[in-house]
């Protein structure tokens, strides 16, 4: 089964359109979150069904959302200058640690690889925690960022999430 998430929420920089559908039903933005702890630790989810998610938003809005984190990452990489054998970091250095703006125009493949390398923080930039999540009974915990695709000005982010049913406080 493939579940698609879409939601409409107000971001501090602009109105972001993110369509979210789960089993043919619209999912509210308050139900989608990236956990603070245990991101990507699938052993924690034994007995839960893996659900595929897809988030779509305007590519320029996406770039705006990740820009602050990406620049901090870029500065840290230049300062540390230790690629630890990761191909995407080696190429990033070889190209002179280009800015986000340069990468989006010249090397989308590397940009997408760097986004996946920083999946947890990038997802938090796109889907920041919102207070209303505390009052929601059904949540979808995003656990991975598997693929990024750009088509006609929209970026699609896909990965795995899990459904959580709970009693609200």
Foldseek 3Di string as FASTA:
>chain_A
DAFEAWEWDQDPVGTKGKFGGGPNHHDYLLQEDADPPDFQVCVVVPPFDKYKYKIKTFPVVLCVLCQVVLVVVLVVCVVVVCPVPDPLSVVCVVVPVDHPVCCVVPPVPSVFVVCQVVVRVSVCSVRPNDPCNLQDQKHKHFRHFDDWDDDPRMIMTMDIITIHGDHHD
